[in-house]
PDB file of N, CA and C in Angstrom:
ATOM      1  N   MET A   1      98.804 111.715 100.841  1.00  0.00           N
ATOM      2  CA  MET A   1      99.164 112.657 101.877  1.00  0.00           C
ATOM      3  C   MET A   1     100.605 112.393 102.308  1.00  0.00           C
ATOM      4  N   LEU A   2     101.388 113.440 102.386  1.00  0.00           N
ATOM      5  CA  LEU A   2     102.769 113.312 102.816  1.00  0.00           C
ATOM      6  C   LEU A   2     102.861 113.355 104.331  1.00  0.00           C
ATOM      7  N   PRO A   3     103.755 112.561 104.906  1.00  0.00           N
ATOM      8  CA  PRO A   3     103.930 112.585 106.354  1.00  0.00           C
ATOM      9  C   PRO A   3     104.410 113.948 106.839  1.00  0.00           C
ATOM     10  N   SER A   4     103.903 114.365 107.963  1.00  0.00           N
ATOM     11  CA  SER A   4     104.319 115.619 108.575  1.00  0.00           C
ATOM     12  C   SER A   4     105.667 115.421 109.266  1.00  0.00           C
ATOM     13  N   SER A   5     106.565 116.364 109.100  1.00  0.00           N
ATOM     14  CA  SER A   5     107.891 116.227 109.716  1.00  0.00           C
ATOM     15  C   SER A   5     107.837 116.403 111.229  1.00  0.00           C
ATOM     16  N   ASP A   6     106.784 117.047 111.744  1.00  0.00           N
ATOM     17  CA  ASP A   6     106.676 117.236 113.183  1.00  0.00           C
ATOM     18  C   ASP A   6     105.761 116.216 113.844  1.00  0.00           C
ATOM     19  N   CYS A   7     105.423 115.178 113.132  1.00  0.00           N
ATOM     20  CA  CYS A   7     104.548 114.128 113.652  1.00  0.00           C
ATOM     21  C   CYS A   7     105.241 113.409 114.809  1.00  0.00           C
ATOM     22  N   GLU A   8     104.496 113.110 115.853  1.00  0.00           N
ATOM     23  CA  GLU A   8     105.057 112.433 117.015  1.00  0.00           C
ATOM     24  C   GLU A   8     104.563 110.997 117.140  1.00  0.00           C
ATOM     25  N   CYS A   9     104.131 110.409 116.037  1.00  0.00           N
ATOM     26  CA  CYS A   9     103.670 109.022 116.047  1.00  0.00           C
ATOM     27  C   CYS A   9     104.845 108.079 116.299  1.00  0.00           C
ATOM     28  N   PRO A  10     104.574 106.935 116.935  1.00  0.00           N
ATOM     29  CA  PRO A  10     105.653 105.945 117.093  1.00  0.00           C
ATOM     30  C   PRO A  10     106.228 105.536 115.738  1.00  0.00           C
ATOM     31  N   LYS A  11     107.530 105.442 115.666  1.00  0.00           N
ATOM     32  CA  LYS A  11     108.212 105.131 114.404  1.00  0.00           C
ATOM     33  C   LYS A  11     108.681 103.689 114.307  1.00  0.00           C
ATOM     34  N   ILE A  12     108.623 102.949 115.417  1.00  0.00           N
ATOM     35  CA  ILE A  12     109.121 101.575 115.445  1.00  0.00           C
ATOM     36  C   ILE A  12     108.013 100.659 115.940  1.00  0.00           C
ATOM     37  N   LEU A  13     107.860  99.531 115.273  1.00  0.00           N
ATOM     38  CA  LEU A  13     106.914  98.507 115.714  1.00  0.00           C
ATOM     39  C   LEU A  13     107.717  97.280 116.123  1.00  0.00           C
ATOM     40  N   ILE A  14     107.516  96.835 117.365  1.00  0.00           N
ATOM     41  CA  ILE A  14     108.176  95.637 117.887  1.00  0.00           C
ATOM     42  C   ILE A  14     107.130  94.535 117.945  1.00  0.00           C
ATOM     43  N   VAL A  15     107.443  93.389 117.346  1.00  0.00           N
ATOM     44  CA  VAL A  15     106.480  92.284 117.301  1.00  0.00           C
ATOM     45  C   VAL A  15     107.150  91.022 117.844  1.00  0.00           C
ATOM     46  N   ASP A  16     106.630  90.538 118.972  1.00  0.00           N
ATOM     47  CA  ASP A  16     107.182  89.335 119.601  1.00  0.00           C
ATOM     48  C   ASP A  16     106.131  88.764 120.530  1.00  0.00           C
ATOM     49  N   ASP A  17     106.053  87.449 120.623  1.00  0.00           N
ATOM     50  CA  ASP A  17     105.083  86.811 121.515  1.00  0.00           C
ATOM     51  C   ASP A  17     105.628  86.661 122.943  1.00  0.00           C
ATOM     52  N   ASN A  18     106.878  86.992 123.149  1.00  0.00           N
ATOM     53  CA  ASN A  18     107.493  86.901 124.463  1.00  0.00           C
ATOM     54  C   ASN A  18     107.441  88.280 125.134  1.00  0.00           C
ATOM     55  N   GLU A  19     106.709  88.376 126.241  1.00  0.00           N
ATOM     56  CA  GLU A  19     106.527  89.659 126.912  1.00  0.00           C
ATOM     57  C   GLU A  19     107.839  90.269 127.404  1.00  0.00           C
ATOM     58  N   PHE A  20     108.756  89.430 127.858  1.00  0.00           N
ATOM     59  CA  PHE A  20     110.051  89.939 128.309  1.00  0.00           C
ATOM     60  C   PHE A  20     110.802  90.601 127.162  1.00  0.00           C
ATOM     61  N   ASN A  21     110.802  89.963 125.987  1.00  0.00           N
ATOM     62  CA  ASN A  21     111.466  90.545 124.818  1.00  0.00           C
ATOM     63  C   ASN A  21     110.843  91.878 124.436  1.00  0.00           C
ATOM     64  N   LEU A  22     109.506  91.928 124.427  1.00  0.00           N
ATOM     65  CA  LEU A  22     108.814  93.179 124.091  1.00  0.00           C
ATOM     66  C   LEU A  22     109.204  94.286 125.065  1.00  0.00           C
ATOM     67  N   TYR A  23     109.123  93.974 126.349  1.00  0.00           N
ATOM     68  CA  TYR A  23     109.437  94.964 127.381  1.00  0.00           C
ATOM     69  C   TYR A  23     110.885  95.432 127.269  1.00  0.00           C
ATOM     70  N   SER A  24     111.808  94.497 127.111  1.00  0.00           N
ATOM     71  CA  SER A  24     113.238  94.832 127.058  1.00  0.00           C
ATOM     72  C   SER A  24     113.564  95.703 125.849  1.00  0.00           C
ATOM     73  N   LEU A  25     113.069  95.307 124.690  1.00  0.00           N
ATOM     74  CA  LEU A  25     113.344  96.096 123.483  1.00  0.00           C
ATOM     75  C   LEU A  25     112.720  97.479 123.563  1.00  0.00           C
ATOM     76  N   LYS A  26     111.488  97.532 124.048  1.00  0.00           N
ATOM     77  CA  LYS A  26     110.814  98.825 124.164  1.00  0.00           C
ATOM     78  C   LYS A  26     111.570  99.734 125.136  1.00  0.00           C
ATOM     79  N   LEU A  27     111.975  99.189 126.260  1.00  0.00           N
ATOM     80  CA  LEU A  27     112.727  99.965 127.250  1.00  0.00           C
ATOM     81  C   LEU A  27     114.044 100.474 126.664  1.00  0.00           C
ATOM     82  N   LEU A  28     114.761  99.613 125.967  1.00  0.00           N
ATOM     83  CA  LEU A  28     116.027 100.001 125.355  1.00  0.00           C
ATOM     84  C   LEU A  28     115.835 101.103 124.314  1.00  0.00           C
ATOM     85  N   LEU A  29     114.877 100.916 123.415  1.00  0.00           N
ATOM     86  CA  LEU A  29     114.656 101.902 122.352  1.00  0.00           C
ATOM     87  C   LEU A  29     114.148 103.225 122.903  1.00  0.00           C
ATOM     88  N   GLU A  30     113.274 103.163 123.898  1.00  0.00           N
ATOM     89  CA  GLU A  30     112.780 104.404 124.490  1.00  0.00           C
ATOM     90  C   GLU A  30     113.877 105.139 125.252  1.00  0.00           C
ATOM     91  N   SER A  31     114.847 104.413 125.805  1.00  0.00           N
ATOM     92  CA  SER A  31     115.977 105.074 126.467  1.00  0.00           C
ATOM     93  C   SER A  31     116.846 105.815 125.451  1.00  0.00           C
ATOM     94  N   LEU A  32     116.727 105.432 124.178  1.00  0.00           N
ATOM     95  CA  LEU A  32     117.446 106.106 123.094  1.00  0.00           C
ATOM     96  C   LEU A  32     116.563 107.135 122.393  1.00  0.00           C
ATOM     97  N   ASP A  33     115.431 107.476 123.032  1.00  0.00           N
ATOM     98  CA  ASP A  33     114.470 108.475 122.533  1.00  0.00           C
ATOM     99  C   ASP A  33     113.715 108.066 121.278  1.00  0.00           C
ATOM    100  N   TYR A  34     113.453 106.777 121.110  1.00  0.00           N
ATOM    101  CA  TYR A  34     112.596 106.301 120.029  1.00  0.00           C
ATOM    102  C   TYR A  34     111.230 105.961 120.607  1.00  0.00           C
ATOM    103  N   ASP A  35     110.182 106.354 119.898  1.00  0.00           N
ATOM    104  CA  ASP A  35     108.828 105.965 120.276  1.00  0.00           C
ATOM    105  C   ASP A  35     108.519 104.626 119.634  1.00  0.00           C
ATOM    106  N   CYS A  36     107.898 103.724 120.393  1.00  0.00           N
ATOM    107  CA  CYS A  36     107.636 102.371 119.902  1.00  0.00           C
ATOM    108  C   CYS A  36     106.189 101.957 120.152  1.00  0.00           C
ATOM    109  N   ASP A  37     105.675 101.150 119.250  1.00  0.00           N
ATOM    110  CA  ASP A  37     104.440 100.402 119.450  1.00  0.00           C
ATOM    111  C   ASP A  37     104.855  98.947 119.558  1.00  0.00           C
ATOM    112  N   SER A  38     103.979  98.107 120.100  1.00  0.00           N
ATOM    113  CA  SER A  38     104.296  96.682 120.162  1.00  0.00           C
ATOM    114  C   SER A  38     103.050  95.852 119.905  1.00  0.00           C
ATOM    115  N   GLU A  39     103.265  94.686 119.352  1.00  0.00           N
ATOM    116  CA  GLU A  39     102.210  93.707 119.095  1.00  0.00           C
ATOM    117  C   GLU A  39     102.745  92.325 119.439  1.00  0.00           C
ATOM    118  N   THR A  40     101.822  91.353 119.613  1.00  0.00           N
ATOM    119  CA  THR A  40     102.226  90.031 120.098  1.00  0.00           C
ATOM    120  C   THR A  40     102.156  88.915 119.061  1.00  0.00           C
ATOM    121  N   ASN A  41     101.728  89.222 117.843  1.00  0.00           N
ATOM    122  CA  ASN A  41     101.774  88.212 116.776  1.00  0.00           C
ATOM    123  C   ASN A  41     101.741  88.902 115.417  1.00  0.00           C
ATOM    124  N   GLY A  42     102.015  88.132 114.394  1.00  0.00           N
ATOM    125  CA  GLY A  42     102.107  88.687 113.048  1.00  0.00           C
ATOM    126  C   GLY A  42     100.816  89.284 112.536  1.00  0.00           C
ATOM    127  N   GLN A  43      99.676  88.668 112.852  1.00  0.00           N
ATOM    128  CA  GLN A  43      98.394  89.198 112.382  1.00  0.00           C
ATOM    129  C   GLN A  43      98.118  90.573 112.986  1.00  0.00           C
ATOM    130  N   LYS A  44      98.398  90.712 114.272  1.00  0.00           N
ATOM    131  CA  LYS A  44      98.214  92.016 114.919  1.00  0.00           C
ATOM    132  C   LYS A  44      99.162  93.060 114.333  1.00  0.00           C
ATOM    133  N   ALA A  45     100.364  92.635 113.970  1.00  0.00           N
ATOM    134  CA  ALA A  45     101.326  93.550 113.358  1.00  0.00           C
ATOM    135  C   ALA A  45     100.831  94.031 112.001  1.00  0.00           C
ATOM    136  N   VAL A  46     100.355  93.108 111.184  1.00  0.00           N
ATOM    137  CA  VAL A  46      99.816  93.476 109.869  1.00  0.00           C
ATOM    138  C   VAL A  46      98.656  94.450 110.048  1.00  0.00           C
ATOM    139  N   ASN A  47      97.756  94.153 110.987  1.00  0.00           N
ATOM    140  CA  ASN A  47      96.624  95.040 111.241  1.00  0.00           C
ATOM    141  C   ASN A  47      97.083  96.421 111.702  1.00  0.00           C
ATOM    142  N   ALA A  48      98.091  96.470 112.579  1.00  0.00           N
ATOM    143  CA  ALA A  48      98.599  97.751 113.088  1.00  0.00           C
ATOM    144  C   ALA A  48      99.213  98.586 111.966  1.00  0.00           C
ATOM    145  N   VAL A  49      99.976  97.942 111.092  1.00  0.00           N
ATOM    146  CA  VAL A  49     100.607  98.657 109.980  1.00  0.00           C
ATOM    147  C   VAL A  49      99.544  99.181 109.019  1.00  0.00           C
ATOM    148  N   MET A  50      98.586  98.344 108.673  1.00  0.00           N
ATOM    149  CA  MET A  50      97.528  98.759 107.750  1.00  0.00           C
ATOM    150  C   MET A  50      96.706  99.909 108.343  1.00  0.00           C
ATOM    151  N   LYS A  51      96.400  99.817 109.624  1.00  0.00           N
ATOM    152  CA  LYS A  51      95.630 100.868 110.286  1.00  0.00           C
ATOM    153  C   LYS A  51      96.408 102.179 110.296  1.00  0.00           C
ATOM    154  N   LYS A  52      97.688 102.097 110.636  1.00  0.00           N
ATOM    155  CA  LYS A  52      98.519 103.303 110.691  1.00  0.00           C
ATOM    156  C   LYS A  52      98.621 103.961 109.319  1.00  0.00           C
ATOM    157  N   GLU A  53      98.725 103.152 108.280  1.00  0.00           N
ATOM    158  CA  GLU A  53      98.894 103.700 106.938  1.00  0.00           C
ATOM    159  C   GLU A  53      97.603 104.250 106.349  1.00  0.00           C
ATOM    160  N   THR A  54      96.452 103.737 106.782  1.00  0.00           N
ATOM    161  CA  THR A  54      95.194 104.174 106.178  1.00  0.00           C
ATOM    162  C   THR A  54      94.391 105.142 107.037  1.00  0.00           C
ATOM    163  N   GLN A  55      94.513 105.053 108.368  1.00  0.00           N
ATOM    164  CA  GLN A  55      93.666 105.860 109.238  1.00  0.00           C
ATOM    165  C   GLN A  55      94.404 106.946 109.999  1.00  0.00           C
ATOM    166  N   ASN A  56      95.692 107.065 109.793  1.00  0.00           N
ATOM    167  CA  ASN A  56      96.481 108.041 110.537  1.00  0.00           C
ATOM    168  C   ASN A  56      96.344 109.419 109.882  1.00  0.00           C
ATOM    169  N   PRO A  57      95.847 110.414 110.602  1.00  0.00           N
ATOM    170  CA  PRO A  57      95.623 111.729 109.997  1.00  0.00           C
ATOM    171  C   PRO A  57      96.894 112.450 109.539  1.00  0.00           C
ATOM    172  N   CYS A  58      98.040 112.134 110.134  1.00  0.00           N
ATOM    173  CA  CYS A  58      99.257 112.842 109.730  1.00  0.00           C
ATOM    174  C   CYS A  58     100.000 112.119 108.602  1.00  0.00           C
ATOM    175  N   GLY A  59      99.559 110.933 108.209  1.00  0.00           N
ATOM    176  CA  GLY A  59     100.179 110.220 107.096  1.00  0.00           C
ATOM    177  C   GLY A  59     101.474 109.509 107.436  1.00  0.00           C
ATOM    178  N   CYS A  60     101.754 109.297 108.709  1.00  0.00           N
ATOM    179  CA  CYS A  60     102.990 108.625 109.130  1.00  0.00           C
ATOM    180  C   CYS A  60     102.940 107.127 108.851  1.00  0.00           C
ATOM    181  N   HIS A  61     104.096 106.524 108.844  1.00  0.00           N
ATOM    182  CA  HIS A  61     104.206 105.071 108.788  1.00  0.00           C
ATOM    183  C   HIS A  61     105.386 104.670 109.666  1.00  0.00           C
ATOM    184  N   TYR A  62     105.499 103.383 109.958  1.00  0.00           N
ATOM    185  CA  TYR A  62     106.622 102.908 110.769  1.00  0.00           C
ATOM    186  C   TYR A  62     107.900 103.006 109.958  1.00  0.00           C
ATOM    187  N   MET A  63     108.961 103.492 110.594  1.00  0.00           N
ATOM    188  CA  MET A  63     110.256 103.585 109.930  1.00  0.00           C
ATOM    189  C   MET A  63     110.890 102.201 109.805  1.00  0.00           C
ATOM    190  N   PHE A  64     110.705 101.376 110.848  1.00  0.00           N
ATOM    191  CA  PHE A  64     111.125  99.979 110.746  1.00  0.00           C
ATOM    192  C   PHE A  64     110.351  99.123 111.735  1.00  0.00           C
ATOM    193  N   ILE A  65     110.382  97.812 111.467  1.00  0.00           N
ATOM    194  CA  ILE A  65     109.637  96.835 112.263  1.00  0.00           C
ATOM    195  C   ILE A  65     110.605  95.754 112.722  1.00  0.00           C
ATOM    196  N   LEU A  66     110.648  95.514 114.029  1.00  0.00           N
ATOM    197  CA  LEU A  66     111.420  94.403 114.585  1.00  0.00           C
ATOM    198  C   LEU A  66     110.442  93.248 114.737  1.00  0.00           C
ATOM    199  N   LEU A  67     110.656  92.189 113.983  1.00  0.00           N
ATOM    200  CA  LEU A  67     109.661  91.133 113.830  1.00  0.00           C
ATOM    201  C   LEU A  67     110.242  89.768 114.184  1.00  0.00           C
ATOM    202  N   ASP A  68     109.672  89.138 115.208  1.00  0.00           N
ATOM    203  CA  ASP A  68     110.053  87.776 115.578  1.00  0.00           C
ATOM    204  C   ASP A  68     109.581  86.826 114.477  1.00  0.00           C
ATOM    205  N   CYS A  69     110.326  85.776 114.223  1.00  0.00           N
ATOM    206  CA  CYS A  69     109.951  84.826 113.161  1.00  0.00           C
ATOM    207  C   CYS A  69     108.961  83.768 113.624  1.00  0.00           C
ATOM    208  N   MET A  70     109.102  83.306 114.850  1.00  0.00           N
ATOM    209  CA  MET A  70     108.261  82.199 115.327  1.00  0.00           C
ATOM    210  C   MET A  70     107.265  82.704 116.365  1.00  0.00           C
ATOM    211  N   MET A  71     106.005  82.908 115.917  1.00  0.00           N
ATOM    212  CA  MET A  71     104.946  83.408 116.790  1.00  0.00           C
ATOM    213  C   MET A  71     103.654  82.653 116.496  1.00  0.00           C
ATOM    214  N   PRO A  72     102.722  82.666 117.452  1.00  0.00           N
ATOM    215  CA  PRO A  72     101.418  82.047 117.206  1.00  0.00           C
ATOM    216  C   PRO A  72     100.574  82.927 116.277  1.00  0.00           C
ATOM    217  N   VAL A  73      99.490  82.379 115.805  1.00  0.00           N
ATOM    218  CA  VAL A  73      98.519  83.026 114.919  1.00  0.00           C
ATOM    219  C   VAL A  73      99.123  83.254 113.538  1.00  0.00           C
ATOM    220  N   MET A  74     100.141  84.099 113.429  1.00  0.00           N
ATOM    221  CA  MET A  74     100.843  84.320 112.162  1.00  0.00           C
ATOM    222  C   MET A  74     102.318  84.540 112.480  1.00  0.00           C
ATOM    223  N   ASP A  75     103.181  83.766 111.822  1.00  0.00           N
ATOM    224  CA  ASP A  75     104.609  83.924 112.096  1.00  0.00           C
ATOM    225  C   ASP A  75     105.172  85.156 111.392  1.00  0.00           C
ATOM    226  N   GLY A  76     106.383  85.494 111.751  1.00  0.00           N
ATOM    227  CA  GLY A  76     107.017  86.676 111.194  1.00  0.00           C
ATOM    228  C   GLY A  76     107.284  86.609 109.701  1.00  0.00           C
ATOM    229  N   TRP A  77     107.585  85.423 109.203  1.00  0.00           N
ATOM    230  CA  TRP A  77     107.836  85.255 107.765  1.00  0.00           C
ATOM    231  C   TRP A  77     106.592  85.595 106.958  1.00  0.00           C
ATOM    232  N   THR A  78     105.447  85.093 107.394  1.00  0.00           N
ATOM    233  CA  THR A  78     104.190  85.350 106.690  1.00  0.00           C
ATOM    234  C   THR A  78     103.813  86.825 106.795  1.00  0.00           C
ATOM    235  N   ALA A  79     103.961  87.403 107.979  1.00  0.00           N
ATOM    236  CA  ALA A  79     103.645  88.820 108.172  1.00  0.00           C
ATOM    237  C   ALA A  79     104.525  89.677 107.271  1.00  0.00           C
ATOM    238  N   CYS A  80     105.802  89.349 107.191  1.00  0.00           N
ATOM    239  CA  CYS A  80     106.733  90.092 106.349  1.00  0.00           C
ATOM    240  C   CYS A  80     106.323  90.008 104.877  1.00  0.00           C
ATOM    241  N   SER A  81     105.927  88.837 104.431  1.00  0.00           N
ATOM    242  CA  SER A  81     105.487  88.664 103.047  1.00  0.00           C
ATOM    243  C   SER A  81     104.264  89.520 102.738  1.00  0.00           C
ATOM    244  N   ILE A  82     103.324  89.560 103.671  1.00  0.00           N
ATOM    245  CA  ILE A  82     102.115  90.362 103.477  1.00  0.00           C
ATOM    246  C   ILE A  82     102.450  91.845 103.470  1.00  0.00           C
ATOM    247  N   LEU A  83     103.327  92.273 104.360  1.00  0.00           N
ATOM    248  CA  LEU A  83     103.651  93.691 104.457  1.00  0.00           C
ATOM    249  C   LEU A  83     104.497  94.202 103.286  1.00  0.00           C
ATOM    250  N   ARG A  84     105.217  93.322 102.654  1.00  0.00           N
ATOM    251  CA  ARG A  84     105.992  93.748 101.484  1.00  0.00           C
ATOM    252  C   ARG A  84     105.060  94.141 100.382  1.00  0.00           C
TER     253      ARG A  84
END
């Protein structure tokens, strides 16, 4: 299924275990008219990406992911390797 050009799904995923960083980045990106999702560790990010790619009716995916390297549960390096 091809992504719909009029889809309004969030296009950016922010992943960081620091709540201040998540809030600040989300606020900044939304002030620039970008829709964002956020997660707090690499495992949740992998799950969010997989869910979006398989269960999203419009066929959208994240345009890019801002991923912290040092997080609990799964670090950013491991999450990046899995998502590639």
